[in-house]
Protein backbone atom coordinates (compact mmCIF):
# COMPACT_ATOMS: atom_id res chain seq x y z
CA MET A 1 0.00 0.00 0.00
CA SER A 2 1.42 3.37 -0.99
CA LYS A 3 1.75 6.36 1.29
CA ASN A 4 -1.10 8.22 -0.43
CA GLU A 5 -3.49 5.35 0.06
CA VAL A 6 -2.62 5.11 3.76
CA GLU A 7 -3.28 8.84 4.25
CA LEU A 8 -6.60 8.60 2.36
CA ALA A 9 -7.76 5.68 4.53
CA GLN A 10 -6.77 7.54 7.69
CA GLU A 11 -8.74 10.64 6.64
CA LEU A 12 -11.78 8.47 5.89
CA GLU A 13 -11.67 6.88 9.32
CA ASP A 14 -11.35 10.31 10.97
CA PHE A 15 -14.38 11.56 9.00
CA ARG A 16 -16.47 8.56 10.06
CA ALA A 17 -15.51 9.09 13.71
CA ARG A 18 -16.46 12.78 13.58
CA TRP A 19 -19.75 11.97 11.82
CA LYS A 20 -20.72 9.35 14.45
CA THR A 21 -19.85 11.79 17.24
CA GLU A 22 -21.98 14.54 15.69
CA VAL A 23 -24.94 12.18 15.10
CA GLY A 24 -24.68 10.88 18.67
CA SER A 25 -24.69 14.41 20.08
CA ARG A 26 -27.83 15.32 18.10
CA ARG A 27 -29.85 12.26 19.28
CA PRO A 28 -31.95 13.22 22.39
CA PRO A 29 -31.75 11.12 25.56
CA PRO A 30 -34.78 8.79 26.20
CA SER A 31 -36.13 10.86 29.15
CA ALA A 32 -35.76 14.35 27.67
CA PRO A 33 -37.45 15.99 24.66
CA SER A 34 -35.26 16.56 21.66
CA PRO A 35 -33.89 20.05 21.03
CA SER A 36 -35.03 19.87 17.42
CA SER A 37 -38.67 19.24 18.30
CA SER A 38 -38.71 21.85 21.05
CA SER A 39 -37.24 24.39 18.67
CA LEU A 40 -40.27 23.97 16.41
CA GLN A 41 -42.66 25.11 19.13
CA PRO A 42 -43.34 28.81 19.75
CA SER A 43 -41.19 30.46 22.39
CA ASN A 44 -44.25 31.72 24.31
CA PRO A 45 -47.11 29.40 23.32
CA PRO A 46 -50.62 30.45 24.36
CA GLN A 47 -52.72 28.25 26.58
CA SER A 48 -54.35 26.05 23.91
CA SER A 49 -57.45 23.98 24.37
CA SER A 50 -55.56 20.76 23.62
CA ASN A 51 -53.18 21.31 26.55
CA THR A 52 -56.14 22.00 28.81
CA LEU A 53 -57.90 18.82 27.71
CA LEU A 54 -54.91 16.62 28.37
CA SER A 55 -54.20 18.03 31.80
CA PRO A 56 -55.60 15.72 34.55
CA THR A 57 -56.30 18.70 36.84
CA SER A 58 -57.92 20.88 34.17
CA ASN A 59 -60.99 22.87 35.22
CA SER A 60 -62.16 23.32 31.61
CA SER A 61 -65.66 22.05 30.94
CA HIS A 62 -65.66 22.18 27.15
CA LEU A 63 -64.08 20.28 24.33
CA PRO A 64 -63.27 22.26 21.17
CA ASN A 65 -65.59 21.79 18.23
CA PRO A 66 -63.80 20.06 15.35
CA LEU A 67 -65.74 22.18 12.86
CA SER A 68 -64.39 25.47 14.21
CA PRO A 69 -60.76 25.07 15.41
CA SER A 70 -59.00 28.01 17.01
CA LYS A 71 -56.07 29.76 15.45
CA ASN A 72 -53.65 28.20 17.94
CA GLN A 73 -54.97 24.73 17.12
CA SER A 74 -54.58 25.21 13.40
CA ASN A 75 -50.92 26.28 13.89
CA LEU A 76 -50.05 23.39 16.25
CA PRO A 77 -47.03 21.50 14.90
CA ALA A 78 -47.54 17.84 14.13
CA LEU A 79 -44.48 16.79 16.16
CA SER A 80 -45.78 18.29 19.41
CA VAL A 81 -48.89 16.09 19.42
CA GLN A 82 -46.95 12.92 20.11
CA HIS A 83 -45.33 14.43 23.20
CA GLU A 84 -48.56 15.90 24.61
CA LEU A 85 -50.30 12.52 24.71
CA THR A 86 -49.17 10.17 27.43
CA SER A 87 -49.79 6.50 28.03
CA SER A 88 -52.46 7.39 30.57
CA SER A 89 -54.50 9.51 28.11
CA SER A 90 -58.10 8.30 27.77
CA ALA A 91 -59.72 7.34 24.49
CA LEU A 92 -61.97 10.41 24.63
CA GLU A 93 -58.98 12.75 24.96
CA ILE A 94 -57.20 11.08 22.07
CA TYR A 95 -60.33 11.15 19.89
CA THR A 96 -60.91 14.84 20.70
CA LEU A 97 -57.34 15.74 19.78
CA ALA A 98 -57.69 13.70 16.57
CA ALA A 99 -60.75 15.76 15.66
CA GLU A 100 -58.72 18.93 16.25
CA MET A 101 -55.92 17.66 14.02
CA GLU A 102 -58.41 16.75 11.28
CA ALA A 103 -60.01 20.20 11.44
CA SER A 104 -56.59 21.89 11.23
CA GLY A 105 -55.66 19.91 8.11
CA GLN A 106 -53.15 17.48 9.65
CA LEU A 107 -54.88 14.39 8.31
CA GLY A 108 -51.95 11.99 8.71
CA GLU A 109 -51.61 12.64 12.42
CA ALA A 110 -55.40 12.60 12.82
CA VAL A 111 -55.64 9.09 11.31
CA LYS A 112 -53.00 7.79 13.70
CA LEU A 113 -54.80 9.28 16.69
CA TYR A 114 -58.16 7.90 15.50
CA GLN A 115 -56.64 4.42 15.26
CA ARG A 116 -55.14 4.74 18.73
CA ALA A 117 -58.49 5.88 20.20
CA PHE A 118 -60.42 3.04 18.58
CA ARG A 119 -57.92 0.51 19.91
CA LEU A 120 -58.74 1.72 23.40
CA ASP A 121 -62.53 1.91 22.83
CA ASP A 122 -64.26 0.76 19.66
CA ASN A 123 -67.36 2.83 20.53
CA ILE A 124 -65.53 6.08 21.22
CA ASP A 125 -67.11 7.83 18.19
CA ARG A 126 -70.61 7.22 19.57
CA VAL A 127 -69.55 8.44 23.00
CA TYR A 128 -68.03 11.61 21.52
CA ASN A 129 -71.09 12.37 19.39
CA ALA A 130 -73.48 11.75 22.30
CA LEU A 131 -71.53 14.12 24.54
CA LYS A 132 -71.44 16.72 21.79
CA ARG A 133 -75.20 16.54 21.27
CA ARG A 134 -75.81 16.75 25.01
CA ALA A 135 -73.57 19.80 25.31
CA ASP A 136 -75.31 21.48 22.37
CA LEU A 137 -78.64 21.06 24.13
CA HIS A 138 -77.39 22.77 27.30
CA HIS A 139 -75.26 25.40 25.50
CA PRO A 140 -76.88 26.45 22.20
CA PRO A 141 -74.41 27.70 19.60
CA SER A 142 -74.04 31.46 19.24
CA SER A 143 -73.78 33.40 16.00
CA HIS A 144 -69.95 33.31 16.12
CA THR A 145 -68.88 30.07 17.79
CA LEU A 146 -70.25 26.59 18.14
CA SER A 147 -70.72 25.10 21.58
CA SER A 148 -68.45 22.28 22.52
CA VAL A 149 -68.72 19.00 24.33
CA ALA A 150 -68.04 18.78 28.06
CA PRO A 151 -65.74 15.82 28.87
CA PRO A 152 -66.40 13.81 32.01
CA SER A 153 -63.86 13.89 34.80
CA SER A 154 -61.34 11.09 35.08
CA SER A 155 -63.16 9.67 38.10
CA THR A 156 -66.52 9.37 36.37
CA SER A 157 -65.61 8.81 32.71
CA GLU A 158 -65.30 5.03 33.10
CA ALA A 159 -68.53 4.64 35.07
CA ALA A 160 -70.61 6.96 32.87
CA THR A 161 -73.50 5.31 31.05
CA PHE A 162 -75.13 6.63 27.91
CA ASP A 163 -78.83 6.20 27.37
CA PHE A 164 -79.78 6.36 23.70
CA LYS A 165 -83.51 6.90 23.16
CA THR A 166 -85.44 7.06 19.90
CA GLN A 167 -88.25 9.56 19.78
CA PHE A 168 -91.04 9.24 17.26
CA GLN A 169 -92.91 12.34 16.17
CA THR A 170 -96.63 11.86 16.55
CA GLY A 171 -97.86 15.33 15.62
CA PRO A 172 -97.11 18.12 13.17
CA ASP A 173 -94.11 20.39 13.54
CA PHE A 174 -96.39 23.37 14.15
CA ASP A 175 -100.05 24.17 14.51
CA THR A 176 -101.70 24.46 11.13
CA VAL A 177 -103.38 27.82 10.71
CA ALA A 178 -105.55 28.46 7.69
CA GLU A 179 -104.24 31.32 5.61
CA PRO A 180 -106.93 33.85 4.74
CA SER A 181 -107.73 34.54 1.14
CA PHE A 182 -106.11 37.71 -0.14
CA ASP A 183 -105.68 39.54 -3.42
CA PRO A 184 -102.01 39.59 -4.53
CA THR A 185 -102.62 42.81 -6.46
CA ALA A 186 -104.06 44.74 -3.50
CA GLU A 187 -100.77 46.51 -2.77
CA LEU A 188 -100.38 47.41 -6.43
CA GLU A 189 -103.92 48.76 -6.54
CA GLU A 190 -103.28 50.91 -3.48
CA SER A 191 -100.19 52.43 -5.08
CA PHE A 192 -102.16 53.16 -8.26
CA ASN A 193 -104.86 54.94 -6.27
CA GLN A 194 -102.28 57.43 -5.05
CA LEU A 195 -101.48 58.47 -8.61
CA GLY A 196 -103.50 60.49 -11.06
CA GLN A 197 -106.07 58.33 -12.86
CA HIS A 198 -106.08 59.17 -16.55
CA PHE A 199 -105.24 57.51 -19.84
CA VAL A 200 -101.89 58.40 -21.39
CA ALA A 201 -101.31 58.16 -25.13
CA GLU A 202 -98.24 56.49 -26.53
CA ASP A 203 -97.69 59.63 -28.56
CA GLU A 204 -97.80 62.52 -26.10
CA THR A 205 -98.86 64.93 -28.83
CA GLN A 206 -102.09 63.00 -29.42
CA GLU A 207 -105.22 63.33 -27.31
CA VAL A 208 -106.81 60.26 -25.67
CA LEU A 209 -110.53 60.47 -26.34
CA LEU A 210 -111.32 58.02 -23.52
CA ASN A 211 -110.33 60.72 -21.05
CA ARG A 212 -113.45 62.64 -22.08
CA LEU A 213 -115.67 59.82 -20.83
CA PRO A 214 -116.49 59.77 -17.12
CA ASN A 215 -115.69 56.63 -15.16
CA GLU A 216 -119.40 55.84 -14.78
CA VAL A 217 -119.78 55.43 -18.56
CA LEU A 218 -116.71 53.18 -18.79
CA LEU A 219 -118.09 51.01 -15.98
CA VAL A 220 -121.39 50.61 -17.85
CA VAL A 221 -119.45 49.36 -20.87
CA LEU A 222 -117.51 46.88 -18.75
CA ARG A 223 -120.67 45.64 -17.02
CA THR A 224 -122.24 45.05 -20.42
CA LEU A 225 -119.27 42.86 -21.35
CA GLY A 226 -119.70 40.99 -18.05
CA LYS A 227 -123.37 40.31 -18.73
CA ALA A 228 -122.42 38.91 -22.13
CA GLY A 229 -119.98 36.52 -20.43
CA ASP A 230 -116.93 38.15 -22.01
CA TRP A 231 -114.98 38.51 -18.77
CA ALA A 232 -111.70 37.77 -20.59
CA THR A 233 -111.99 41.08 -22.44
CA ILE A 234 -112.38 42.89 -19.12
CA VAL A 235 -109.18 41.29 -17.84
CA ARG A 236 -107.28 42.21 -21.01
CA PHE A 237 -108.57 45.77 -20.75
CA GLY A 238 -107.07 45.97 -17.25
CA LEU A 239 -103.60 45.33 -18.71
CA VAL A 240 -103.63 48.53 -20.78
CA CYS A 241 -102.71 51.08 -18.11
CA LYS A 242 -103.11 51.96 -14.44
CA LYS A 243 -106.53 53.54 -14.82
CA ALA A 244 -107.82 50.58 -16.84
CA PHE A 245 -106.48 48.25 -14.18
CA LEU A 246 -108.41 50.05 -11.44
CA LEU A 247 -111.60 50.16 -13.51
CA SER A 248 -111.39 46.45 -14.35
CA LYS A 249 -111.29 45.60 -10.63
CA GLU A 250 -114.52 47.42 -9.82
CA GLN A 251 -116.52 45.13 -7.50
CA THR A 252 -119.89 45.91 -9.12
CA ILE A 253 -118.67 44.36 -12.38
CA TRP A 254 -117.50 41.12 -10.81
CA ARG A 255 -120.50 40.87 -8.52
CA GLU A 256 -122.73 40.78 -11.55
CA ILE A 257 -120.50 38.22 -13.26
CA CYS A 258 -120.60 35.99 -10.14
CA SER A 259 -124.39 36.28 -9.95
CA LEU A 260 -124.63 34.93 -13.50
CA THR A 261 -121.99 32.24 -13.01
CA PHE A 262 -122.60 30.66 -9.60
CA VAL A 263 -126.24 29.68 -9.95
CA PRO A 264 -127.69 26.95 -7.72
CA PRO A 265 -128.22 24.03 -7.92
CA PHE A 266 -125.64 23.41 -10.65
CA GLN A 267 -122.49 25.46 -9.97
CA ILE A 268 -123.09 25.59 -6.18
CA GLU A 269 -125.19 23.74 -3.63
CA PRO A 270 -128.98 24.40 -3.67
CA GLU A 271 -128.98 25.88 -0.15
CA GLN A 272 -126.10 28.25 -0.93
CA SER A 273 -125.93 31.63 -2.62
CA PHE A 274 -123.05 33.41 -4.29
CA THR A 275 -123.22 36.23 -1.72
CA SER A 276 -122.83 33.80 1.20
CA LEU A 277 -119.86 32.13 -0.51
CA ALA A 278 -118.21 35.49 -1.11
CA ARG A 279 -118.74 36.52 2.50
CA THR A 280 -117.57 33.19 4.01
CA PHE A 281 -114.61 32.27 1.84
CA HIS A 282 -113.49 35.36 -0.08
CA ASP A 283 -113.98 38.35 2.24
CA ASN A 284 -116.63 39.84 -0.07
CA ASP A 285 -114.11 40.15 -2.93
CA TYR A 286 -116.13 39.06 -5.96
CA ARG A 287 -113.24 39.19 -8.39
CA GLU A 288 -111.22 36.91 -6.13
CA MET A 289 -114.26 34.67 -5.79
CA PHE A 290 -114.56 34.34 -9.56
CA VAL A 291 -110.90 33.33 -9.76
CA ARG A 292 -110.71 30.93 -6.81
CA GLN A 293 -114.19 29.42 -6.61
CA PRO A 294 -114.43 26.18 -8.65
CA ARG A 295 -116.77 26.44 -11.59
CA VAL A 296 -117.61 24.51 -14.73
CA ARG A 297 -116.91 26.64 -17.75
CA LEU A 298 -119.91 27.05 -20.04
CA ASP A 299 -118.28 29.15 -22.76
CA GLY A 300 -116.57 26.26 -24.56
CA ILE A 301 -116.07 22.50 -24.77
CA TYR A 302 -113.92 20.04 -22.81
CA ILE A 303 -112.06 17.71 -25.18
CA SER A 304 -110.19 14.46 -24.46
CA VAL A 305 -107.85 13.10 -27.17
CA CYS A 306 -107.32 9.32 -26.79
CA HIS A 307 -105.10 6.87 -28.65
CA TYR A 308 -104.67 3.12 -28.88
CA LEU A 309 -102.77 0.66 -31.09
CA ARG A 310 -104.42 -2.00 -33.24
CA SER A 311 -102.74 -4.75 -35.20
CA GLY A 312 -103.37 -4.75 -38.94
CA GLU A 313 -103.00 -7.15 -41.84
CA SER A 314 -100.41 -7.13 -44.58
CA GLU A 315 -99.95 -9.11 -47.78
CA ASN A 316 -96.26 -9.49 -46.98
CA SER A 317 -95.65 -11.86 -44.05
CA TRP A 318 -92.37 -10.13 -43.32
CA ILE A 319 -94.12 -6.84 -42.54
CA ASP A 320 -96.03 -6.30 -39.28
CA THR A 321 -98.63 -3.56 -39.66
CA THR A 322 -99.79 -1.56 -36.60
CA HIS A 323 -102.43 1.16 -36.70
CA LEU A 324 -102.57 4.13 -34.31
CA ILE A 325 -106.24 4.86 -33.69
CA THR A 326 -107.18 8.32 -32.44
CA TYR A 327 -110.63 9.16 -31.13
CA HIS A 328 -112.10 12.10 -29.22
CA ARG A 329 -114.50 12.39 -26.33
CA LEU A 330 -116.20 15.79 -26.01
CA LEU A 331 -118.21 17.26 -23.12
CA ARG A 332 -120.26 20.43 -23.28
CA PHE A 333 -122.14 21.86 -20.29
CA PHE A 334 -125.09 24.23 -20.41
CA ALA A 335 -126.39 26.73 -17.85
CA ASP A 336 -129.73 24.91 -17.47
CA GLY A 337 -128.01 21.81 -16.02
CA THR A 338 -127.95 19.73 -19.20
CA CYS A 339 -124.85 18.41 -20.92
CA ILE A 340 -123.80 16.64 -24.11
CA SER A 341 -121.27 13.80 -24.38
CA LEU A 342 -119.95 12.80 -27.78
CA LEU A 343 -117.55 9.99 -28.74
CA SER A 344 -116.24 10.16 -32.31
CA THR A 345 -113.17 9.63 -34.47
CA GLU A 346 -113.78 12.91 -36.31
CA HIS A 347 -111.45 15.83 -35.66
CA PRO A 348 -112.64 18.40 -33.07
CA SER A 349 -112.47 21.17 -35.66
CA VAL A 350 -115.36 19.43 -37.41
CA LEU A 351 -117.30 18.43 -34.28
CA VAL A 352 -117.14 21.61 -32.17
CA PRO A 353 -119.35 23.78 -34.41
CA LEU A 354 -121.94 20.97 -34.58
CA LEU A 355 -122.13 20.19 -30.85
CA THR A 356 -125.52 21.70 -30.04
CA PRO A 357 -128.66 20.22 -28.43
CA THR A 358 -130.13 19.66 -31.88
CA LEU A 359 -127.27 17.41 -33.07
CA ARG A 360 -128.10 13.77 -33.81
CA MET A 361 -125.33 11.29 -34.59
CA LYS A 362 -123.82 8.01 -33.40
CA GLY A 363 -121.98 8.18 -30.07
CA LEU A 364 -124.01 11.15 -28.81
CA HIS A 365 -125.59 11.19 -25.32
CA HIS A 366 -127.57 13.80 -23.43
CA GLY A 367 -127.62 14.06 -19.64
CA PHE A 368 -127.65 16.30 -16.56
CA TRP A 369 -124.80 17.65 -14.49
CA SER A 370 -124.14 19.28 -11.13
CA ILE A 371 -120.98 20.21 -9.20
CA THR A 372 -120.42 18.77 -5.73
CA PRO A 373 -117.81 20.38 -3.45
CA PRO A 374 -115.74 18.25 -1.03
CA SER A 375 -117.32 17.52 2.34
CA ASP A 376 -114.78 19.67 4.21
CA SER A 377 -115.02 22.67 1.88
CA LEU A 378 -117.89 24.29 3.79
CA ASP A 379 -115.78 24.80 6.92
CA PRO A 380 -115.08 28.57 7.18
CA SER A 381 -111.81 27.91 9.01
CA LYS A 382 -110.42 26.05 6.00
CA PRO A 383 -111.09 28.24 2.98
CA SER A 384 -108.24 26.83 0.92
CA LEU A 385 -109.55 23.26 0.99
CA TYR A 386 -112.34 24.09 -1.40
CA GLU A 387 -109.83 24.87 -4.10
CA ALA A 388 -107.14 22.32 -3.18
CA SER A 389 -109.32 19.23 -2.83
CA GLY A 390 -110.97 19.65 -6.22
CA PRO A 391 -114.76 19.37 -6.52
CA GLU A 392 -116.55 16.59 -8.38
CA ILE A 393 -118.90 16.89 -11.32
CA GLN A 394 -121.76 14.41 -11.25
CA VAL A 395 -123.09 13.57 -14.72
CA SER A 396 -126.21 11.38 -14.67
CA SER A 397 -128.94 10.04 -16.97
CA LEU A 398 -126.76 9.91 -20.07
CA VAL A 399 -128.93 8.45 -22.83
CA GLU A 400 -129.11 8.66 -26.58
CA PRO A 401 -131.43 11.49 -27.70
CA ASP A 402 -134.91 10.46 -28.88
CA SER A 403 -134.35 6.96 -27.42
CA VAL A 404 -137.25 7.22 -24.96
CA ASN A 405 -140.57 6.29 -26.52
CA GLU A 406 -143.57 4.15 -25.77
CA THR A 407 -142.69 1.32 -28.15
CA ARG A 408 -139.12 0.81 -26.87
CA PRO A 409 -138.67 1.48 -23.12
CA LEU A 410 -135.28 2.61 -21.86
CA LYS A 411 -133.19 -0.12 -20.23
CA TYR A 412 -129.83 1.47 -19.43
CA THR A 413 -128.41 4.89 -18.64
CA PHE A 414 -124.83 5.97 -18.09
CA GLN A 415 -123.21 7.98 -15.30
CA MET A 416 -119.86 9.76 -14.98
CA VAL A 417 -117.95 11.18 -12.02
CA LEU A 418 -115.46 13.85 -13.03
CA ARG A 419 -112.81 15.74 -11.06
CA LEU A 420 -112.51 19.46 -11.81
CA GLY A 421 -109.05 21.04 -11.68
CA GLY A 422 -106.52 23.12 -13.56
CA PRO A 423 -104.41 26.22 -12.91
CA ARG A 424 -105.62 28.96 -10.60
CA GLY A 425 -108.64 30.71 -12.08
CA ARG A 426 -108.80 28.71 -15.32
CA TRP A 427 -110.55 25.47 -14.34
CA ASN A 428 -109.69 24.06 -17.74
CA LYS A 429 -109.00 20.43 -16.81
CA ILE A 430 -111.37 17.56 -16.01
CA GLU A 431 -110.34 14.01 -15.08
CA LEU A 432 -112.69 11.07 -15.54
CA LYS A 433 -112.83 9.12 -12.25
CA GLU A 434 -115.78 6.77 -12.81
CA TYR A 435 -117.89 5.66 -15.74
CA LYS A 436 -120.85 3.37 -14.99
CA SER A 437 -123.90 1.90 -16.61
CA LEU A 438 -127.16 1.75 -14.64
CA ASN A 439 -129.73 -0.99 -15.21
CA LEU A 440 -133.10 0.73 -14.79
CA SER A 441 -134.97 -2.53 -14.23
CA ASN A 442 -133.08 -3.67 -11.11
CA GLY A 443 -130.86 -0.66 -10.24
CA GLU A 444 -127.61 -2.58 -10.79
CA GLU A 445 -124.52 -0.43 -11.49
CA LEU A 446 -121.68 -1.81 -13.59
CA ASP A 447 -118.26 -0.15 -13.84
CA ILE A 448 -116.97 0.44 -17.35
CA ARG A 449 -113.18 0.54 -17.56
CA LEU A 450 -111.70 2.99 -20.03
CA PHE A 451 -108.06 1.98 -20.43
CA ASN A 452 -107.11 4.63 -22.99
CA GLN A 453 -108.97 7.55 -21.43
CA LYS A 454 -107.07 10.85 -21.08
CA SER A 455 -107.94 14.05 -19.25
CA PHE A 456 -110.32 16.60 -20.72
CA PHE A 457 -108.98 20.06 -21.52
CA PHE A 458 -111.04 23.13 -22.18
CA SER A 459 -111.17 24.60 -25.67
CA LYS A 460 -113.06 27.65 -26.80
């Protein structure tokens, strides 16, 4: 071995000896904390909630909420956690500190603490949640901080028992109070009343001739439209301007419309009157009554479009022919309590102009109708049920016209039970609930199932 190699080996051994000495001096003794870990902690750390929890003589009665950690907890170094926990730490303390670490973003350390807590008590999560719920009941959370869970003392934590009870709700969350009927445009109407009532032309240089007419004359015109049943024109007139809106809401107009519409015993019960309904359910607001009170519309026809598939025949065995059959069922109601039911495959554009009491064709039946409100609709404390439940339309004595004569007595009649509905104020939808045939000889009723029946919709 040359002299250079001997010197190189000696230098290497000296370097190894110095390195071992330096590493040995940096390693902390078993009973003392390492200088490196203590240097990571703040020089003057504040009194954190985690130190208070882990102290056996702590007087604190709250555990920190994992959802809202303090600033000191979020800045707690991960290395200091291992030294704060001792072998005598309870599972609840470890689980609480794990929740703090999870809330501060130190997920790795939190998982280790969760595992350690569950090894001590596999039900520690239930215990922690129960204590948290109990503390929330006694200390409701404020607008800034959430209340925390009070840990049991070391002397009573092991003997504490937790009673879990299941409570079943048997009543509503609050007392149901019927909301009174009100007009959503009342506030708008009040603001309009404070302004000048006059018509304004689109072109300011032009004069509006309607301004020359007094309001009394305009109201006579609107009442004439109401008597003719053209209430839709009155509503459209109210959309023109503020003055037209106020005139269209005049109660004398709608009172006359209601008197012509809600006539007993067809639209309302025989013992009722439209004035009593307005007073009981609608606070004497006749326009609101006309909108909310269920009614059968007499100014048009209810039409149901039905379809079904039927197999056909083809000369080619490789082709399967299927026909889509469309037919229509039409209902028209009259003010005298009579109605017309028509079943046909013709298009409604052809049938509607012909559907009058004098029409005679196959599939046509004449009968009588009346509207029946729900049994709970007459309770003044529940005004909304009349509209929500949906009244029924009873159609009875449906027979073919001119079928009753002395030579051929009538054997069967048909009956229908319909449900009136639709958007607020329109009442443009009818659903067929029951369709029966009545044997007049013995009074036997037989249900007729209509598998392809669809709802009726109003058309004018």
